[in-house]
Amino acid sequence: MRLDAQQFFTAQHTPSHLESILRRARFDGSIATAQSEEENASLLAAAAEHAYVKGVIACAGLNHPKLDAALDSYQRHPFFRGVVGPDFRAGQENPPGLNCLERRGIPLDVAASAAGIPPLLDRHPDLNIAIVNLGFPDGSEAWFRGMERAAQSPRAYVKVSGLISSGGKRWTAAAVRPFVAHALTVFGPHRVMFGSDWPSCLPDSIWKETLAIFTQAIGAQSMETREWLLGESARAFYGIGAAGVEGSEN
């Protein structure tokens, strides 16, 4: 199964729009990420209507006192596959909602620099996490060490996403290749996913260009490895095709 593991919708960029793009690229589907709690319901409805939306990553207030009740509701929905968290920084106190996710086995998409991930995993060793945007690579030793430490947890995966235009620069395949290579070395292809970040990649790059940069960055790989990177890792992590939220299959 080929999956775009990170994409969004807007009023101008609708589920019908992305469906045709994925079909032309011979992708089976995508995982839609909410950008606000108000969007959760509409995304879950879109997943029920559009077969290619294989799962939804919901926004949830990890400090909210009624988080458990909200998660009860989300977990009753067959397309709910995880929660997207706020930016976590090294040294900051983690929200109590992480304990709820850990206890329930709900995956967390986490936006954090690589250096901030190991302390999070130390406090929550049973939390299934997907490190989005490749942990915001900056070329520092802290990034490389953080990715190495994070990879020691079999529950940690990484998304190569959001790199087309970030940090005030436009990324090329050559620029991102050393970081992708490091992620592949320490995580292995079974824990690395492709995410287009569509339509956030616009207007710098169209969806097809995000895929081209990714495939150029991973370099020559066996067909089996390419299939894991282009969808099977995401399918395994989010339990696509399984009933309810199973998290990582490892």
C-alpha atoms as a PDB file:
ATOM      1  CA  MET A   1       0.000   0.000   0.000  1.00  0.00           C
ATOM      2  CA  ARG A   2       1.370   3.405  -1.010  1.00  0.00           C
ATOM      3  CA  LEU A   3       0.412   6.175   1.393  1.00  0.00           C
ATOM      4  CA  ASP A   4       1.081   9.873   1.732  1.00  0.00           C
ATOM      5  CA  ALA A   5       1.616   9.914   5.500  1.00  0.00           C
ATOM      6  CA  GLN A   6       1.117  13.662   6.063  1.00  0.00           C
ATOM      7  CA  GLN A   7      -1.295  15.973   4.274  1.00  0.00           C
ATOM      8  CA  PHE A   8      -3.915  18.568   5.123  1.00  0.00           C
ATOM      9  CA  PHE A   9      -7.083  20.024   3.628  1.00  0.00           C
ATOM     10  CA  THR A  10      -8.203  23.614   3.208  1.00  0.00           C
ATOM     11  CA  ALA A  11     -11.219  25.315   1.656  1.00  0.00           C
ATOM     12  CA  GLN A  12      -9.238  25.682  -1.557  1.00  0.00           C
ATOM     13  CA  HIS A  13      -7.570  22.255  -1.440  1.00  0.00           C
ATOM     14  CA  THR A  14     -10.285  19.670  -0.961  1.00  0.00           C
ATOM     15  CA  PRO A  15     -10.414  15.881  -0.637  1.00  0.00           C
ATOM     16  CA  SER A  16     -11.608  15.595  -4.233  1.00  0.00           C
ATOM     17  CA  HIS A  17      -8.620  17.628  -5.398  1.00  0.00           C
ATOM     18  CA  LEU A  18      -6.064  15.407  -3.689  1.00  0.00           C
ATOM     19  CA  GLU A  19      -7.783  12.215  -4.786  1.00  0.00           C
ATOM     20  CA  SER A  20      -7.030  12.881  -8.446  1.00  0.00           C
ATOM     21  CA  ILE A  21      -3.409  13.773  -7.648  1.00  0.00           C
ATOM     22  CA  LEU A  22      -2.839  10.531  -5.761  1.00  0.00           C
ATOM     23  CA  ARG A  23      -4.526   8.465  -8.437  1.00  0.00           C
ATOM     24  CA  ARG A  24      -2.225   9.860 -11.137  1.00  0.00           C
ATOM     25  CA  ALA A  25       0.803   9.045  -8.944  1.00  0.00           C
ATOM     26  CA  ARG A  26      -0.513   5.505  -8.290  1.00  0.00           C
ATOM     27  CA  PHE A  27      -0.844   6.061  -4.560  1.00  0.00           C
ATOM     28  CA  ASP A  28      -3.513   4.133  -2.678  1.00  0.00           C
ATOM     29  CA  GLY A  29      -4.311   6.826  -0.180  1.00  0.00           C
ATOM     30  CA  SER A  30      -3.248   9.314   2.433  1.00  0.00           C
ATOM     31  CA  ILE A  31      -3.399  10.148   6.112  1.00  0.00           C
ATOM     32  CA  ALA A  32      -5.061  13.495   6.806  1.00  0.00           C
ATOM     33  CA  THR A  33      -3.913  15.637   9.715  1.00  0.00           C
ATOM     34  CA  ALA A  34      -6.176  18.123  11.485  1.00  0.00           C
ATOM     35  CA  GLN A  35      -4.895  21.646  12.006  1.00  0.00           C
ATOM     36  CA  SER A  36      -7.383  22.455  14.791  1.00  0.00           C
ATOM     37  CA  GLU A  37      -9.785  20.608  17.078  1.00  0.00           C
ATOM     38  CA  GLU A  38     -12.677  22.172  15.150  1.00  0.00           C
ATOM     39  CA  GLU A  39     -11.489  20.350  12.019  1.00  0.00           C
ATOM     40  CA  ASN A  40     -11.523  16.854  13.539  1.00  0.00           C
ATOM     41  CA  ALA A  41     -15.168  16.106  12.764  1.00  0.00           C
ATOM     42  CA  SER A  42     -14.962  17.278   9.146  1.00  0.00           C
ATOM     43  CA  LEU A  43     -11.849  15.185   8.512  1.00  0.00           C
ATOM     44  CA  LEU A  44     -13.425  12.069   9.968  1.00  0.00           C
ATOM     45  CA  ALA A  45     -16.462  12.701   7.772  1.00  0.00           C
ATOM     46  CA  ALA A  46     -14.197  13.147   4.742  1.00  0.00           C
ATOM     47  CA  ALA A  47     -12.516   9.821   5.495  1.00  0.00           C
ATOM     48  CA  ALA A  48     -15.923   8.122   5.573  1.00  0.00           C
ATOM     49  CA  GLU A  49     -16.826   9.674   2.225  1.00  0.00           C
ATOM     50  CA  HIS A  50     -13.503   9.311   0.374  1.00  0.00           C
ATOM     51  CA  ALA A  51     -12.067   5.802   0.385  1.00  0.00           C
ATOM     52  CA  TYR A  52      -8.525   7.003  -0.256  1.00  0.00           C
ATOM     53  CA  VAL A  53      -8.366   8.834   3.114  1.00  0.00           C
ATOM     54  CA  LYS A  54      -7.147   5.867   5.117  1.00  0.00           C
ATOM     55  CA  GLY A  55      -6.834   7.595   8.468  1.00  0.00           C
ATOM     56  CA  VAL A  56      -7.150  10.848  10.386  1.00  0.00           C
ATOM     57  CA  ILE A  57      -4.702  12.360  12.873  1.00  0.00           C
ATOM     58  CA  ALA A  58      -6.834  14.482  15.182  1.00  0.00           C
ATOM     59  CA  CYS A  59      -5.956  17.578  17.172  1.00  0.00           C
ATOM     60  CA  ALA A  60      -6.543  17.089  20.891  1.00  0.00           C
ATOM     61  CA  GLY A  61      -5.788  19.308  23.846  1.00  0.00           C
ATOM     62  CA  LEU A  62      -3.233  17.282  25.790  1.00  0.00           C
ATOM     63  CA  ASN A  63      -3.715  19.561  28.794  1.00  0.00           C
ATOM     64  CA  HIS A  64      -7.519  19.436  28.671  1.00  0.00           C
ATOM     65  CA  PRO A  65      -9.194  17.920  31.759  1.00  0.00           C
ATOM     66  CA  LYS A  66     -11.779  16.153  29.544  1.00  0.00           C
ATOM     67  CA  LEU A  67      -9.223  14.592  27.196  1.00  0.00           C
ATOM     68  CA  ASP A  68     -10.213  11.045  28.166  1.00  0.00           C
ATOM     69  CA  ALA A  69     -13.827  11.666  27.139  1.00  0.00           C
ATOM     70  CA  ALA A  70     -12.711  13.138  23.821  1.00  0.00           C
ATOM     71  CA  LEU A  71     -10.445  10.170  23.131  1.00  0.00           C
ATOM     72  CA  ASP A  72     -13.304   7.794  23.940  1.00  0.00           C
ATOM     73  CA  SER A  73     -15.317   9.482  21.201  1.00  0.00           C
ATOM     74  CA  TYR A  74     -12.489   9.491  18.667  1.00  0.00           C
ATOM     75  CA  GLN A  75     -11.602   5.856  19.242  1.00  0.00           C
ATOM     76  CA  ARG A  76     -15.136   4.807  18.360  1.00  0.00           C
ATOM     77  CA  HIS A  77     -14.530   6.175  14.860  1.00  0.00           C
ATOM     78  CA  PRO A  78     -12.975   3.620  12.453  1.00  0.00           C
ATOM     79  CA  PHE A  79     -10.779   6.220  10.727  1.00  0.00           C
ATOM     80  CA  PHE A  80      -9.223   7.760  13.824  1.00  0.00           C
ATOM     81  CA  ARG A  81      -5.532   6.823  13.820  1.00  0.00           C
ATOM     82  CA  GLY A  82      -3.746   9.149  16.211  1.00  0.00           C
ATOM     83  CA  VAL A  83      -3.242  12.595  17.682  1.00  0.00           C
ATOM     84  CA  VAL A  84      -1.047  15.464  16.567  1.00  0.00           C
ATOM     85  CA  GLY A  85       0.764  17.144  19.440  1.00  0.00           C
ATOM     86  CA  PRO A  86       2.210  20.593  19.997  1.00  0.00           C
ATOM     87  CA  ASP A  87       5.848  21.514  19.609  1.00  0.00           C
ATOM     88  CA  PHE A  88       7.858  19.805  22.335  1.00  0.00           C
ATOM     89  CA  ARG A  89      11.121  21.390  23.400  1.00  0.00           C
ATOM     90  CA  ALA A  90      13.914  19.906  25.426  1.00  0.00           C
ATOM     91  CA  GLY A  91      13.547  20.796  29.092  1.00  0.00           C
ATOM     92  CA  GLN A  92       9.871  21.760  29.008  1.00  0.00           C
ATOM     93  CA  GLU A  93       7.285  19.917  31.071  1.00  0.00           C
ATOM     94  CA  ASN A  94       5.306  17.362  29.079  1.00  0.00           C
ATOM     95  CA  PRO A  95       1.497  17.673  29.094  1.00  0.00           C
ATOM     96  CA  PRO A  96      -0.382  15.101  31.206  1.00  0.00           C
ATOM     97  CA  GLY A  97      -2.336  13.926  28.168  1.00  0.00           C
ATOM     98  CA  LEU A  98       0.695  11.962  27.016  1.00  0.00           C
ATOM     99  CA  ASN A  99      -0.040   9.470  29.778  1.00  0.00           C
ATOM    100  CA  CYS A 100      -3.521   8.966  28.298  1.00  0.00           C
ATOM    101  CA  LEU A 101      -2.116   8.308  24.831  1.00  0.00           C
ATOM    102  CA  GLU A 102       0.500   5.947  26.204  1.00  0.00           C
ATOM    103  CA  ARG A 103      -2.060   3.997  28.221  1.00  0.00           C
ATOM    104  CA  ARG A 104      -4.467   3.718  25.290  1.00  0.00           C
ATOM    105  CA  GLY A 105      -1.803   2.918  22.674  1.00  0.00           C
ATOM    106  CA  ILE A 106      -2.755   5.959  20.574  1.00  0.00           C
ATOM    107  CA  PRO A 107       0.039   7.156  18.250  1.00  0.00           C
ATOM    108  CA  LEU A 108       1.300  10.718  18.543  1.00  0.00           C
ATOM    109  CA  ASP A 109       2.548  12.854  15.676  1.00  0.00           C
ATOM    110  CA  VAL A 110       5.057  15.110  17.368  1.00  0.00           C
ATOM    111  CA  ALA A 111       6.550  18.321  15.996  1.00  0.00           C
ATOM    112  CA  ALA A 112       9.877  18.730  17.760  1.00  0.00           C
ATOM    113  CA  SER A 113      13.515  19.171  17.048  1.00  0.00           C
ATOM    114  CA  ALA A 114      15.377  15.880  17.187  1.00  0.00           C
ATOM    115  CA  ALA A 115      17.123  16.983  20.395  1.00  0.00           C
ATOM    116  CA  GLY A 116      13.766  17.212  22.180  1.00  0.00           C
ATOM    117  CA  ILE A 117      12.615  13.689  21.318  1.00  0.00           C
ATOM    118  CA  PRO A 118      14.817  11.488  23.570  1.00  0.00           C
ATOM    119  CA  PRO A 119      13.657  13.120  26.844  1.00  0.00           C
ATOM    120  CA  LEU A 120      10.058  12.633  25.700  1.00  0.00           C
ATOM    121  CA  LEU A 121      10.692   8.942  25.049  1.00  0.00           C
ATOM    122  CA  ASP A 122      12.538   8.556  28.344  1.00  0.00           C
ATOM    123  CA  ARG A 123       9.453   9.768  30.233  1.00  0.00           C
ATOM    124  CA  HIS A 124       6.998   7.812  28.052  1.00  0.00           C
ATOM    125  CA  PRO A 125       8.745   4.641  26.860  1.00  0.00           C
ATOM    126  CA  ASP A 126       5.484   2.991  25.720  1.00  0.00           C
ATOM    127  CA  LEU A 127       4.328   5.949  23.606  1.00  0.00           C
ATOM    128  CA  ASN A 128       4.162   5.361  19.858  1.00  0.00           C
ATOM    129  CA  ILE A 129       5.468   8.517  18.176  1.00  0.00           C
ATOM    130  CA  ALA A 130       5.978   9.722  14.623  1.00  0.00           C
ATOM    131  CA  ILE A 131       8.602  12.468  14.439  1.00  0.00           C
ATOM    132  CA  VAL A 132       7.263  14.806  11.760  1.00  0.00           C
ATOM    133  CA  ASN A 133       9.290  16.940   9.373  1.00  0.00           C
ATOM    134  CA  LEU A 134      12.373  14.781   9.984  1.00  0.00           C
ATOM    135  CA  GLY A 135      12.867  16.365  13.384  1.00  0.00           C
ATOM    136  CA  PHE A 136      13.628  19.760  11.787  1.00  0.00           C
ATOM    137  CA  PRO A 137      17.186  19.024  10.627  1.00  0.00           C
ATOM    138  CA  ASP A 138      19.648  21.878  11.019  1.00  0.00           C
ATOM    139  CA  GLY A 139      22.943  20.086  10.501  1.00  0.00           C
ATOM    140  CA  SER A 140      23.922  20.337  14.170  1.00  0.00           C
ATOM    141  CA  GLU A 141      25.450  17.536  16.196  1.00  0.00           C
ATOM    142  CA  ALA A 142      22.422  17.797  18.489  1.00  0.00           C
ATOM    143  CA  TRP A 143      20.148  16.804  15.591  1.00  0.00           C
ATOM    144  CA  PHE A 144      22.250  13.796  14.611  1.00  0.00           C
ATOM    145  CA  ARG A 145      22.601  12.610  18.212  1.00  0.00           C
ATOM    146  CA  GLY A 146      18.919  13.191  18.919  1.00  0.00           C
ATOM    147  CA  MET A 147      17.879  11.059  15.954  1.00  0.00           C
ATOM    148  CA  GLU A 148      20.256   8.289  16.987  1.00  0.00           C
ATOM    149  CA  ARG A 149      18.867   8.233  20.528  1.00  0.00           C
ATOM    150  CA  ALA A 150      15.255   8.416  19.360  1.00  0.00           C
ATOM    151  CA  ALA A 151      15.807   5.481  17.018  1.00  0.00           C
ATOM    152  CA  GLN A 152      16.754   3.293  19.972  1.00  0.00           C
ATOM    153  CA  SER A 153      13.042   3.134  20.819  1.00  0.00           C
ATOM    154  CA  PRO A 154      11.255   0.656  18.526  1.00  0.00           C
ATOM    155  CA  ARG A 155       8.094   2.740  19.003  1.00  0.00           C
ATOM    156  CA  ALA A 156       9.610   5.824  17.331  1.00  0.00           C
ATOM    157  CA  TYR A 157       9.109   6.400  13.612  1.00  0.00           C
ATOM    158  CA  VAL A 158      10.048   9.398  11.468  1.00  0.00           C
ATOM    159  CA  LYS A 159       8.270  11.223   8.659  1.00  0.00           C
ATOM    160  CA  VAL A 160      10.254  12.825   5.857  1.00  0.00           C
ATOM    161  CA  SER A 161       7.789  15.663   5.415  1.00  0.00           C
ATOM    162  CA  GLY A 162       7.533  19.435   5.450  1.00  0.00           C
ATOM    163  CA  LEU A 163      11.021  19.966   4.044  1.00  0.00           C
ATOM    164  CA  ILE A 164      10.251  21.580   0.709  1.00  0.00           C
ATOM    165  CA  SER A 165      10.091  25.033   2.222  1.00  0.00           C
ATOM    166  CA  SER A 166      10.852  25.480   5.895  1.00  0.00           C
ATOM    167  CA  GLY A 167      13.115  27.514   8.100  1.00  0.00           C
ATOM    168  CA  GLY A 168      13.209  30.314   5.554  1.00  0.00           C
ATOM    169  CA  LYS A 169      14.887  28.172   2.901  1.00  0.00           C
ATOM    170  CA  ARG A 170      13.886  25.979  -0.013  1.00  0.00           C
ATOM    171  CA  TRP A 171      15.172  22.445   0.295  1.00  0.00           C
ATOM    172  CA  THR A 172      16.519  20.435  -2.621  1.00  0.00           C
ATOM    173  CA  ALA A 173      17.027  16.680  -2.798  1.00  0.00           C
ATOM    174  CA  ALA A 174      20.789  17.203  -2.491  1.00  0.00           C
ATOM    175  CA  ALA A 175      20.375  19.380   0.603  1.00  0.00           C
ATOM    176  CA  VAL A 176      18.079  16.962   2.410  1.00  0.00           C
ATOM    177  CA  ARG A 177      19.866  13.769   1.345  1.00  0.00           C
ATOM    178  CA  PRO A 178      22.379  13.615   4.258  1.00  0.00           C
ATOM    179  CA  PHE A 179      19.562  13.925   6.782  1.00  0.00           C
ATOM    180  CA  VAL A 180      17.404  11.314   5.058  1.00  0.00           C
ATOM    181  CA  ALA A 181      20.414   9.004   4.835  1.00  0.00           C
ATOM    182  CA  HIS A 182      21.026   9.378   8.567  1.00  0.00           C
ATOM    183  CA  ALA A 183      17.385   8.631   9.350  1.00  0.00           C
ATOM    184  CA  LEU A 184      17.500   5.524   7.171  1.00  0.00           C
ATOM    185  CA  THR A 185      20.693   4.377   8.871  1.00  0.00           C
ATOM    186  CA  VAL A 186      19.465   4.726  12.442  1.00  0.00           C
ATOM    187  CA  PHE A 187      15.746   3.956  12.025  1.00  0.00           C
ATOM    188  CA  GLY A 188      15.835   1.593   9.072  1.00  0.00           C
ATOM    189  CA  PRO A 189      13.361   1.747   6.167  1.00  0.00           C
ATOM    190  CA  HIS A 190      10.603   0.056   8.169  1.00  0.00           C
ATOM    191  CA  ARG A 191      10.319   3.149  10.407  1.00  0.00           C
ATOM    192  CA  VAL A 192      10.673   5.957   7.848  1.00  0.00           C
ATOM    193  CA  MET A 193       7.643   7.402   6.021  1.00  0.00           C
ATOM    194  CA  PHE A 194       7.012   9.779   3.137  1.00  0.00           C
ATOM    195  CA  GLY A 195       4.704  12.739   3.748  1.00  0.00           C
ATOM    196  CA  SER A 196       3.994  15.401   1.137  1.00  0.00           C
ATOM    197  CA  ASP A 197       2.778  18.076   3.573  1.00  0.00           C
ATOM    198  CA  TRP A 198       0.339  19.058   0.800  1.00  0.00           C
ATOM    199  CA  PRO A 199      -0.933  21.744   0.396  1.00  0.00           C
ATOM    200  CA  SER A 200       1.532  23.409   2.791  1.00  0.00           C
ATOM    201  CA  CYS A 201       4.210  22.749   0.163  1.00  0.00           C
ATOM    202  CA  LEU A 202       2.427  25.154  -2.205  1.00  0.00           C
ATOM    203  CA  PRO A 203       3.220  27.411  -3.974  1.00  0.00           C
ATOM    204  CA  ASP A 204       6.886  26.381  -3.769  1.00  0.00           C
ATOM    205  CA  SER A 205       6.244  22.859  -5.024  1.00  0.00           C
ATOM    206  CA  ILE A 206       3.330  20.810  -6.255  1.00  0.00           C
ATOM    207  CA  TRP A 207       2.607  17.361  -4.783  1.00  0.00           C
ATOM    208  CA  LYS A 208       4.520  15.559  -7.523  1.00  0.00           C
ATOM    209  CA  GLU A 209       7.670  17.540  -6.728  1.00  0.00           C
ATOM    210  CA  THR A 210       7.555  16.557  -3.055  1.00  0.00           C
ATOM    211  CA  LEU A 211       7.557  12.917  -4.120  1.00  0.00           C
ATOM    212  CA  ALA A 212      10.392  13.515  -6.589  1.00  0.00           C
ATOM    213  CA  ILE A 213      12.558  15.169  -3.942  1.00  0.00           C
ATOM    214  CA  PHE A 214      11.881  12.294  -1.559  1.00  0.00           C
ATOM    215  CA  THR A 215      12.747   9.570  -4.069  1.00  0.00           C
ATOM    216  CA  GLN A 216      15.905  11.418  -5.126  1.00  0.00           C
ATOM    217  CA  ALA A 217      16.908  11.905  -1.496  1.00  0.00           C
ATOM    218  CA  ILE A 218      16.606   8.201  -0.620  1.00  0.00           C
ATOM    219  CA  GLY A 219      18.756   7.271  -3.607  1.00  0.00           C
ATOM    220  CA  ALA A 220      18.944   3.810  -5.144  1.00  0.00           C
ATOM    221  CA  GLN A 221      16.959   1.326  -3.065  1.00  0.00           C
ATOM    222  CA  SER A 222      15.510  -2.129  -3.604  1.00  0.00           C
ATOM    223  CA  MET A 223      11.878  -2.308  -4.668  1.00  0.00           C
ATOM    224  CA  GLU A 224      10.949  -3.759  -1.260  1.00  0.00           C
ATOM    225  CA  THR A 225      12.656  -0.878   0.585  1.00  0.00           C
ATOM    226  CA  ARG A 226      10.967   1.706  -1.634  1.00  0.00           C
ATOM    227  CA  GLU A 227       7.551   0.205  -0.905  1.00  0.00           C
ATOM    228  CA  TRP A 228       8.160   0.411   2.842  1.00  0.00           C
ATOM    229  CA  LEU A 229       9.249   4.038   2.569  1.00  0.00           C
ATOM    230  CA  LEU A 230       6.350   4.975   0.285  1.00  0.00           C
ATOM    231  CA  GLY A 231       3.597   3.540   2.411  1.00  0.00           C
ATOM    232  CA  GLU A 232       4.127   0.268   4.234  1.00  0.00           C
ATOM    233  CA  SER A 233       5.856   1.938   7.189  1.00  0.00           C
ATOM    234  CA  ALA A 234       2.909   4.305   7.588  1.00  0.00           C
ATOM    235  CA  ARG A 235       0.431   1.455   7.213  1.00  0.00           C
ATOM    236  CA  ALA A 236       2.202  -0.493   9.953  1.00  0.00           C
ATOM    237  CA  PHE A 237       2.598   2.428  12.352  1.00  0.00           C
ATOM    238  CA  TYR A 238      -1.001   3.609  12.114  1.00  0.00           C
ATOM    239  CA  GLY A 239      -2.522   0.144  11.868  1.00  0.00           C
ATOM    240  CA  ILE A 240      -4.180   0.860   8.517  1.00  0.00           C
ATOM    241  CA  GLY A 241      -6.359  -2.094   7.675  1.00  0.00           C
ATOM    242  CA  ALA A 242      -6.683  -3.076  11.331  1.00  0.00           C
ATOM    243  CA  ALA A 243      -9.709  -2.488  13.506  1.00  0.00           C
ATOM    244  CA  GLY A 244      -9.257   0.454  15.894  1.00  0.00           C
ATOM    245  CA  VAL A 245      -5.969   2.060  16.777  1.00  0.00           C
ATOM    246  CA  GLU A 246      -3.240  -0.505  17.079  1.00  0.00           C
ATOM    247  CA  GLY A 247      -0.198   1.751  16.804  1.00  0.00           C
ATOM    248  CA  SER A 248       3.119   0.222  15.812  1.00  0.00           C
ATOM    249  CA  GLU A 249       3.104  -3.423  14.811  1.00  0.00           C
ATOM    250  CA  ASN A 250       6.646  -3.863  16.136  1.00  0.00           C
END
